[in-house]
N, C-alpha and C. Protein backbone atom coordinates (compact mmCIF):
# COMPACT_ATOMS: atom_id res chain seq x y z
N MET A 1 -14.91 5.59 -9.45
CA MET A 1 -13.52 5.93 -9.80
C MET A 1 -13.01 4.98 -10.88
N ALA A 2 -13.84 4.67 -11.86
CA ALA A 2 -13.42 3.78 -12.94
C ALA A 2 -12.55 4.55 -13.93
N PRO A 3 -11.50 3.91 -14.46
CA PRO A 3 -10.62 4.59 -15.43
C PRO A 3 -11.38 4.82 -16.74
N PRO A 4 -11.06 5.86 -17.47
CA PRO A 4 -11.74 6.13 -18.73
C PRO A 4 -11.47 5.02 -19.75
N PRO A 5 -12.46 4.67 -20.57
CA PRO A 5 -12.26 3.63 -21.58
C PRO A 5 -11.21 4.04 -22.60
N GLY A 6 -10.40 3.09 -23.02
CA GLY A 6 -9.35 3.40 -23.98
C GLY A 6 -8.21 2.41 -23.85
N PRO A 7 -7.15 2.59 -24.62
CA PRO A 7 -6.03 1.63 -24.59
C PRO A 7 -5.27 1.64 -23.27
N TYR A 8 -5.42 2.71 -22.47
CA TYR A 8 -4.65 2.81 -21.23
C TYR A 8 -5.46 2.42 -20.00
N SER A 9 -6.71 1.98 -20.21
CA SER A 9 -7.56 1.66 -19.06
C SER A 9 -6.99 0.49 -18.25
N GLY A 10 -6.45 -0.52 -18.95
CA GLY A 10 -5.90 -1.69 -18.27
C GLY A 10 -4.69 -1.34 -17.43
N THR A 11 -3.73 -0.63 -18.04
CA THR A 11 -2.51 -0.27 -17.32
C THR A 11 -2.82 0.72 -16.22
N GLY A 12 -3.81 1.59 -16.45
CA GLY A 12 -4.20 2.57 -15.43
C GLY A 12 -4.74 1.87 -14.20
N THR A 13 -5.60 0.86 -14.43
CA THR A 13 -6.15 0.09 -13.32
C THR A 13 -5.04 -0.66 -12.60
N LEU A 14 -4.14 -1.25 -13.38
CA LEU A 14 -3.02 -2.01 -12.81
C LEU A 14 -2.15 -1.11 -11.95
N ALA A 15 -1.86 0.10 -12.46
CA ALA A 15 -1.04 1.05 -11.71
C ALA A 15 -1.76 1.47 -10.43
N LEU A 16 -3.07 1.66 -10.52
CA LEU A 16 -3.85 2.07 -9.34
C LEU A 16 -3.83 0.96 -8.29
N VAL A 17 -4.05 -0.28 -8.73
CA VAL A 17 -4.03 -1.42 -7.81
C VAL A 17 -2.66 -1.57 -7.17
N ALA A 18 -1.61 -1.42 -7.98
CA ALA A 18 -0.24 -1.53 -7.46
C ALA A 18 0.03 -0.45 -6.42
N ARG A 19 -0.45 0.76 -6.71
CA ARG A 19 -0.23 1.89 -5.79
C ARG A 19 -0.96 1.65 -4.47
N VAL A 20 -2.21 1.18 -4.56
CA VAL A 20 -3.01 0.92 -3.36
C VAL A 20 -2.39 -0.20 -2.53
N SER A 21 -1.97 -1.29 -3.19
CA SER A 21 -1.38 -2.42 -2.46
C SER A 21 -0.05 -2.01 -1.84
N ALA A 22 0.74 -1.21 -2.55
CA ALA A 22 2.01 -0.74 -2.01
C ALA A 22 1.77 0.15 -0.80
N PHE A 23 0.76 1.02 -0.88
CA PHE A 23 0.43 1.90 0.24
C PHE A 23 -0.03 1.08 1.45
N SER A 24 -0.88 0.06 1.19
CA SER A 24 -1.38 -0.80 2.27
C SER A 24 -0.21 -1.54 2.92
N PHE A 25 0.69 -2.08 2.09
CA PHE A 25 1.85 -2.81 2.62
C PHE A 25 2.72 -1.87 3.45
N GLY A 26 2.93 -0.66 2.96
CA GLY A 26 3.74 0.33 3.70
C GLY A 26 3.11 0.68 5.03
N ALA A 27 1.78 0.84 5.03
CA ALA A 27 1.08 1.19 6.28
C ALA A 27 1.19 0.05 7.30
N VAL A 28 0.97 -1.19 6.83
CA VAL A 28 1.05 -2.35 7.73
C VAL A 28 2.48 -2.53 8.24
N TYR A 29 3.46 -2.40 7.33
CA TYR A 29 4.86 -2.56 7.71
C TYR A 29 5.27 -1.51 8.73
N GLY A 30 4.89 -0.26 8.49
CA GLY A 30 5.21 0.83 9.41
C GLY A 30 4.56 0.61 10.77
N ASN A 31 3.33 0.12 10.77
CA ASN A 31 2.60 -0.14 12.01
C ASN A 31 3.29 -1.23 12.82
N MET A 32 3.68 -2.32 12.14
CA MET A 32 4.38 -3.41 12.82
C MET A 32 5.71 -2.95 13.38
N LYS A 33 6.44 -2.16 12.58
CA LYS A 33 7.74 -1.64 13.01
C LYS A 33 7.58 -0.77 14.27
N LEU A 34 6.54 0.05 14.27
CA LEU A 34 6.27 0.91 15.42
C LEU A 34 5.98 0.07 16.67
N LYS A 35 5.13 -0.97 16.50
CA LYS A 35 4.79 -1.84 17.63
C LYS A 35 6.03 -2.53 18.17
N ILE A 36 6.89 -3.02 17.27
CA ILE A 36 8.12 -3.71 17.69
C ILE A 36 9.03 -2.74 18.44
N LEU A 37 9.17 -1.53 17.92
CA LEU A 37 10.02 -0.52 18.57
C LEU A 37 9.47 -0.16 19.95
N LYS A 38 8.15 -0.17 20.09
CA LYS A 38 7.54 0.14 21.39
C LYS A 38 7.76 -0.99 22.39
N VAL A 39 7.76 -2.24 21.87
CA VAL A 39 7.88 -3.41 22.75
C VAL A 39 9.33 -3.61 23.21
N ILE A 40 10.30 -3.38 22.32
CA ILE A 40 11.70 -3.66 22.62
C ILE A 40 12.20 -2.99 23.92
N PRO A 41 11.94 -1.70 24.19
CA PRO A 41 12.47 -1.10 25.44
C PRO A 41 11.94 -1.77 26.70
N HIS A 42 10.79 -2.45 26.62
CA HIS A 42 10.21 -3.07 27.80
C HIS A 42 10.83 -4.44 28.09
N LEU A 43 11.57 -4.98 27.14
CA LEU A 43 12.17 -6.30 27.34
C LEU A 43 13.35 -6.24 28.30
């Protein structure tokens, strides 16, 4: 899944990395939020 060679290859890779990291952060954050919401009623 390498970006095509050209002037936009750098920004394309950067955008892809940013998108993947943002998705990973969102998934982890949502997972933590879910766990916290599950734990709170038991307190």
